[in-house]
C-alpha atoms as a PDB file:
ATOM      1  CA  MET A   1     -10.216 -93.832  23.068  1.00  0.00           C
ATOM      2  CA  LYS A   2      -8.736 -91.286  20.618  1.00  0.00           C
ATOM      3  CA  ASP A   3      -6.274 -90.054  23.268  1.00  0.00           C
ATOM      4  CA  MET A   4      -5.167 -93.620  23.969  1.00  0.00           C
ATOM      5  CA  TYR A   5      -4.337 -94.215  20.298  1.00  0.00           C
ATOM      6  CA  LYS A   6      -2.654 -90.817  20.030  1.00  0.00           C
ATOM      7  CA  THR A   7      -0.471 -91.663  23.051  1.00  0.00           C
ATOM      8  CA  ARG A   8       0.400 -95.057  21.568  1.00  0.00           C
ATOM      9  CA  LEU A   9       1.257 -93.423  18.237  1.00  0.00           C
ATOM     10  CA  GLU A  10       3.511 -90.892  19.973  1.00  0.00           C
ATOM     11  CA  LYS A  11       5.300 -93.640  21.921  1.00  0.00           C
ATOM     12  CA  THR A  12       5.752 -95.624  18.720  1.00  0.00           C
ATOM     13  CA  GLN A  13       7.165 -92.549  16.968  1.00  0.00           C
ATOM     14  CA  VAL A  14       9.675 -92.013  19.778  1.00  0.00           C
ATOM     15  CA  PHE A  15      10.665 -95.693  19.658  1.00  0.00           C
ATOM     16  CA  LEU A  16      11.107 -95.625  15.878  1.00  0.00           C
ATOM     17  CA  LYS A  17      13.171 -92.417  16.047  1.00  0.00           C
ATOM     18  CA  ASN A  18      15.414 -94.087  18.631  1.00  0.00           C
ATOM     19  CA  CYS A  19      15.772 -97.135  16.369  1.00  0.00           C
ATOM     20  CA  LEU A  20      16.698 -94.882  13.445  1.00  0.00           C
ATOM     21  CA  GLN A  21      19.220 -93.048  15.612  1.00  0.00           C
ATOM     22  CA  VAL A  22      20.874 -96.327  16.651  1.00  0.00           C
ATOM     23  CA  ALA A  23      20.961 -97.441  13.006  1.00  0.00           C
ATOM     24  CA  GLN A  24      22.520 -94.134  11.976  1.00  0.00           C
ATOM     25  CA  ASP A  25      25.034 -94.139  14.837  1.00  0.00           C
ATOM     26  CA  ASN A  26      26.201 -97.609  13.848  1.00  0.00           C
ATOM     27  CA  GLY A  27      26.530 -96.634  10.184  1.00  0.00           C
ATOM     28  CA  PHE A  28      24.209 -99.164   8.633  1.00  0.00           C
ATOM     29  CA  LEU A  29      21.146 -96.952   8.034  1.00  0.00           C
ATOM     30  CA  GLU A  30      22.746 -95.243   5.047  1.00  0.00           C
ATOM     31  CA  LEU A  31      23.782 -98.605   3.626  1.00  0.00           C
ATOM     32  CA  MET A  32      20.211 -99.888   3.963  1.00  0.00           C
ATOM     33  CA  ILE A  33      18.794 -96.791   2.251  1.00  0.00           C
ATOM     34  CA  LEU A  34      21.290 -96.910  -0.611  1.00  0.00           C
ATOM     35  CA  ASN A  35      20.545-100.604  -1.206  1.00  0.00           C
ATOM     36  CA  LYS A  36      16.786 -99.982  -0.983  1.00  0.00           C
ATOM     37  CA  ASP A  37      17.015 -97.160  -3.551  1.00  0.00           C
ATOM     38  CA  LYS A  38      18.914 -99.466  -5.901  1.00  0.00           C
ATOM     39  CA  LEU A  39      16.346-102.243  -5.427  1.00  0.00           C
ATOM     40  CA  ASP A  40      13.466 -99.795  -5.959  1.00  0.00           C
ATOM     41  CA  GLN A  41      15.020 -98.577  -9.212  1.00  0.00           C
ATOM     42  CA  ASP A  42      15.497-102.137 -10.440  1.00  0.00           C
ATOM     43  CA  TYR A  43      11.989-103.164  -9.384  1.00  0.00           C
ATOM     44  CA  PHE A  44      10.217-100.127 -10.811  1.00  0.00           C
ATOM     45  CA  SER A  45      12.124-100.288 -14.079  1.00  0.00           C
ATOM     46  CA  LEU A  46      10.425-103.648 -14.709  1.00  0.00           C
ATOM     47  CA  SER A  47       6.881-102.401 -14.213  1.00  0.00           C
ATOM     48  CA  PRO A  48       5.838 -98.965 -15.511  1.00  0.00           C
ATOM     49  CA  THR A  49       2.349 -99.305 -13.978  1.00  0.00           C
ATOM     50  CA  ILE A  50       3.770 -99.439 -10.472  1.00  0.00           C
ATOM     51  CA  THR A  51       5.702 -96.196 -10.908  1.00  0.00           C
ATOM     52  CA  THR A  52       2.531 -94.340 -11.811  1.00  0.00           C
ATOM     53  CA  LEU A  53       0.930 -95.458  -8.544  1.00  0.00           C
ATOM     54  CA  THR A  54       3.743 -94.256  -6.292  1.00  0.00           C
ATOM     55  CA  PRO A  55       3.521 -90.619  -5.183  1.00  0.00           C
ATOM     56  CA  GLN A  56       6.043 -88.469  -6.996  1.00  0.00           C
ATOM     57  CA  PHE A  57       6.746 -85.083  -5.448  1.00  0.00           C
ATOM     58  CA  PRO A  58       8.295 -82.494  -7.737  1.00  0.00           C
ATOM     59  CA  SER A  59      11.833 -81.354  -7.008  1.00  0.00           C
ATOM     60  CA  PRO A  60      12.477 -77.671  -6.494  1.00  0.00           C
ATOM     61  CA  PRO A  61      13.350 -75.791  -9.680  1.00  0.00           C
ATOM     62  CA  PRO A  62      17.121 -75.717 -10.334  1.00  0.00           C
ATOM     63  CA  GLN A  63      17.334 -71.924  -9.976  1.00  0.00           C
ATOM     64  CA  PHE A  64      16.238 -72.295  -6.324  1.00  0.00           C
ATOM     65  CA  HIS A  65      18.703 -75.052  -5.504  1.00  0.00           C
ATOM     66  CA  HIS A  66      21.119 -74.046  -2.750  1.00  0.00           C
ATOM     67  CA  PRO A  67      24.324 -76.119  -2.414  1.00  0.00           C
ATOM     68  CA  HIS A  68      24.542 -75.568   1.359  1.00  0.00           C
ATOM     69  CA  LEU A  69      21.258 -77.461   1.780  1.00  0.00           C
ATOM     70  CA  ASP A  70      22.478 -80.638   0.032  1.00  0.00           C
ATOM     71  CA  PRO A  71      24.025 -82.228   3.152  1.00  0.00           C
ATOM     72  CA  ILE A  72      21.033 -81.399   5.354  1.00  0.00           C
ATOM     73  CA  ILE A  73      18.560 -82.667   2.724  1.00  0.00           C
ATOM     74  CA  ARG A  74      20.508 -85.919   2.500  1.00  0.00           C
ATOM     75  CA  GLN A  75      20.628 -86.188   6.300  1.00  0.00           C
ATOM     76  CA  ALA A  76      16.894 -85.407   6.545  1.00  0.00           C
ATOM     77  CA  LYS A  77      16.039 -88.183   4.102  1.00  0.00           C
ATOM     78  CA  ILE A  78      18.344 -90.657   5.856  1.00  0.00           C
ATOM     79  CA  ASN A  79      16.929 -89.805   9.289  1.00  0.00           C
ATOM     80  CA  GLY A  80      13.346 -89.852   8.053  1.00  0.00           C
ATOM     81  CA  TRP A  81      12.487 -86.245   8.898  1.00  0.00           C
ATOM     82  CA  TYR A  82      12.248 -84.836   5.384  1.00  0.00           C
ATOM     83  CA  ILE A  83       8.699 -83.579   4.860  1.00  0.00           C
ATOM     84  CA  HIS A  84       7.264 -82.508   1.534  1.00  0.00           C
ATOM     85  CA  PRO A  85       5.333 -79.192   1.685  1.00  0.00           C
ATOM     86  CA  GLN A  86       2.193 -80.838   0.277  1.00  0.00           C
ATOM     87  CA  GLU A  87       1.948 -82.923   3.479  1.00  0.00           C
ATOM     88  CA  ILE A  88       1.561 -79.809   5.656  1.00  0.00           C
ATOM     89  CA  GLU A  89      -1.772 -78.103   6.250  1.00  0.00           C
ATOM     90  CA  ILE A  90      -1.302 -74.534   7.508  1.00  0.00           C
ATOM     91  CA  LEU A  91      -4.176 -73.521   9.805  1.00  0.00           C
ATOM     92  CA  HIS A  92      -3.349 -70.021  11.070  1.00  0.00           C
ATOM     93  CA  LEU A  93      -0.536 -67.633  11.943  1.00  0.00           C
ATOM     94  CA  SER A  94       0.543 -67.928  15.589  1.00  0.00           C
ATOM     95  CA  ALA A  95       3.615 -65.677  15.816  1.00  0.00           C
ATOM     96  CA  GLN A  96       6.070 -63.650  13.762  1.00  0.00           C
ATOM     97  CA  GLY A  97       9.808 -63.214  14.153  1.00  0.00           C
ATOM     98  CA  SER A  98      12.641 -61.458  12.375  1.00  0.00           C
ATOM     99  CA  THR A  99      13.440 -64.459  10.157  1.00  0.00           C
ATOM    100  CA  ALA A 100      10.247 -66.544  10.125  1.00  0.00           C
ATOM    101  CA  ASP A 101       6.517 -66.850  10.742  1.00  0.00           C
ATOM    102  CA  ILE A 102       5.205 -69.538  13.094  1.00  0.00           C
ATOM    103  CA  TYR A 103       1.916 -71.196  12.168  1.00  0.00           C
ATOM    104  CA  LYS A 104      -0.342 -73.727  13.777  1.00  0.00           C
ATOM    105  CA  GLY A 105      -0.746 -76.594  11.369  1.00  0.00           C
ATOM    106  CA  LYS A 106      -1.600 -80.230  10.800  1.00  0.00           C
ATOM    107  CA  TRP A 107       0.724 -82.936   9.577  1.00  0.00           C
ATOM    108  CA  ARG A 108      -0.642 -86.471   9.200  1.00  0.00           C
ATOM    109  CA  GLY A 109      -3.370 -85.696  11.728  1.00  0.00           C
ATOM    110  CA  LEU A 110      -1.029 -84.254  14.367  1.00  0.00           C
ATOM    111  CA  ASP A 111      -1.172 -80.676  15.610  1.00  0.00           C
ATOM    112  CA  VAL A 112       2.192 -79.095  14.865  1.00  0.00           C
ATOM    113  CA  ALA A 113       3.969 -75.764  14.993  1.00  0.00           C
ATOM    114  CA  VAL A 114       5.258 -74.823  11.543  1.00  0.00           C
ATOM    115  CA  LYS A 115       8.148 -72.382  11.225  1.00  0.00           C
ATOM    116  CA  CYS A 116       8.294 -70.848   7.744  1.00  0.00           C
ATOM    117  CA  MET A 117      11.497 -68.969   7.049  1.00  0.00           C
ATOM    118  CA  TYR A 118      11.135 -65.759   5.030  1.00  0.00           C
ATOM    119  CA  PRO A 119      12.490 -66.198   1.469  1.00  0.00           C
ATOM    120  CA  ASP A 120      14.233 -62.803   1.786  1.00  0.00           C
ATOM    121  CA  PHE A 121      16.296 -64.233   4.640  1.00  0.00           C
ATOM    122  CA  PHE A 122      17.983 -66.572   2.164  1.00  0.00           C
ATOM    123  CA  ARG A 123      18.312 -63.984  -0.593  1.00  0.00           C
ATOM    124  CA  SER A 124      19.788 -61.248   1.613  1.00  0.00           C
ATOM    125  CA  ASN A 125      21.988 -63.413   3.839  1.00  0.00           C
ATOM    126  CA  GLU A 126      24.751 -65.411   2.161  1.00  0.00           C
ATOM    127  CA  HIS A 127      24.878 -67.733   5.197  1.00  0.00           C
ATOM    128  CA  GLY A 128      21.084 -68.146   5.443  1.00  0.00           C
ATOM    129  CA  ALA A 129      20.998 -71.713   4.157  1.00  0.00           C
ATOM    130  CA  SER A 130      23.858 -72.686   6.474  1.00  0.00           C
ATOM    131  CA  PHE A 131      22.048 -71.090   9.415  1.00  0.00           C
ATOM    132  CA  PHE A 132      18.854 -72.974   8.541  1.00  0.00           C
ATOM    133  CA  ALA A 133      20.728 -76.259   8.162  1.00  0.00           C
ATOM    134  CA  GLN A 134      22.422 -75.721  11.530  1.00  0.00           C
ATOM    135  CA  GLU A 135      19.101 -74.875  13.203  1.00  0.00           C
ATOM    136  CA  VAL A 136      17.409 -77.991  11.810  1.00  0.00           C
ATOM    137  CA  GLU A 137      20.361 -80.162  12.840  1.00  0.00           C
ATOM    138  CA  THR A 138      20.340 -78.704  16.372  1.00  0.00           C
ATOM    139  CA  LEU A 139      16.569 -79.044  16.779  1.00  0.00           C
ATOM    140  CA  SER A 140      16.655 -82.631  15.511  1.00  0.00           C
ATOM    141  CA  ARG A 141      18.881 -83.565  18.472  1.00  0.00           C
ATOM    142  CA  GLN A 142      17.055 -81.604  21.209  1.00  0.00           C
ATOM    143  CA  ARG A 143      15.163 -83.558  23.868  1.00  0.00           C
ATOM    144  CA  HIS A 144      13.760 -81.333  26.606  1.00  0.00           C
ATOM    145  CA  PRO A 145      10.247 -80.979  28.076  1.00  0.00           C
ATOM    146  CA  PHE A 146      10.209 -77.217  27.346  1.00  0.00           C
ATOM    147  CA  VAL A 147      11.496 -77.444  23.769  1.00  0.00           C
ATOM    148  CA  LEU A 148       9.220 -78.671  20.990  1.00  0.00           C
ATOM    149  CA  GLN A 149      10.565 -81.816  19.367  1.00  0.00           C
ATOM    150  CA  LEU A 150      11.425 -81.533  15.698  1.00  0.00           C
ATOM    151  CA  ILE A 151       9.297 -83.888  13.623  1.00  0.00           C
ATOM    152  CA  GLY A 152      10.684 -82.901  10.264  1.00  0.00           C
ATOM    153  CA  ALA A 153      11.651 -80.179   7.842  1.00  0.00           C
ATOM    154  CA  SER A 154      10.614 -79.178   4.375  1.00  0.00           C
ATOM    155  CA  LEU A 155      13.659 -78.144   2.413  1.00  0.00           C
ATOM    156  CA  ASP A 156      12.344 -76.724  -0.849  1.00  0.00           C
ATOM    157  CA  PRO A 157      14.053 -73.312  -0.977  1.00  0.00           C
ATOM    158  CA  PRO A 158      13.467 -70.474  -1.017  1.00  0.00           C
ATOM    159  CA  GLU A 159       9.689 -70.321  -1.144  1.00  0.00           C
ATOM    160  CA  LYS A 160       8.744 -73.080   1.307  1.00  0.00           C
ATOM    161  CA  ILE A 161      11.226 -73.748   4.046  1.00  0.00           C
ATOM    162  CA  ALA A 162       9.650 -74.909   7.250  1.00  0.00           C
ATOM    163  CA  GLY A 163      10.512 -76.805  10.368  1.00  0.00           C
ATOM    164  CA  LEU A 164       7.839 -78.796  12.134  1.00  0.00           C
ATOM    165  CA  SER A 165       7.635 -79.472  15.823  1.00  0.00           C
ATOM    166  CA  HIS A 166       5.144 -81.595  17.682  1.00  0.00           C
ATOM    167  CA  ASN A 167       2.678 -79.386  19.478  1.00  0.00           C
ATOM    168  CA  SER A 168       1.716 -81.172  22.722  1.00  0.00           C
END
């Protein structure tokens, strides 16, 4: 029974991603998000009790802000694949590379592979943030049976940068 629901959830996720892609391709997703943000601000400004009930994730400290990540953060939020680090449960280290560690993890009940970029990669490489943004953008468009599908990315530099892929 659990596998049946997991399969249905996966099919629904694929369908919703396709719907988001069509909305983005036709240019009205951004318009919907901008209008929703405006409505949310107007609505929440009327009721302070509601704002305390909505989850508020802290923004990264300003000294860690990297301007090259701004476009990819915006794109991630528009496309719905921005993930806050507090949503990720790291289980154990699976592999290590020259620029990142790969962990097995959990995200919203799904088994995922979590790629955590080394903070030194961004400090020592002036194009590190651009490389990361390009990698996330490329992975977000990949659809192949032998390539893990990108579910989302956490973009809080430099301490917690991770890409998540569904682990079938």
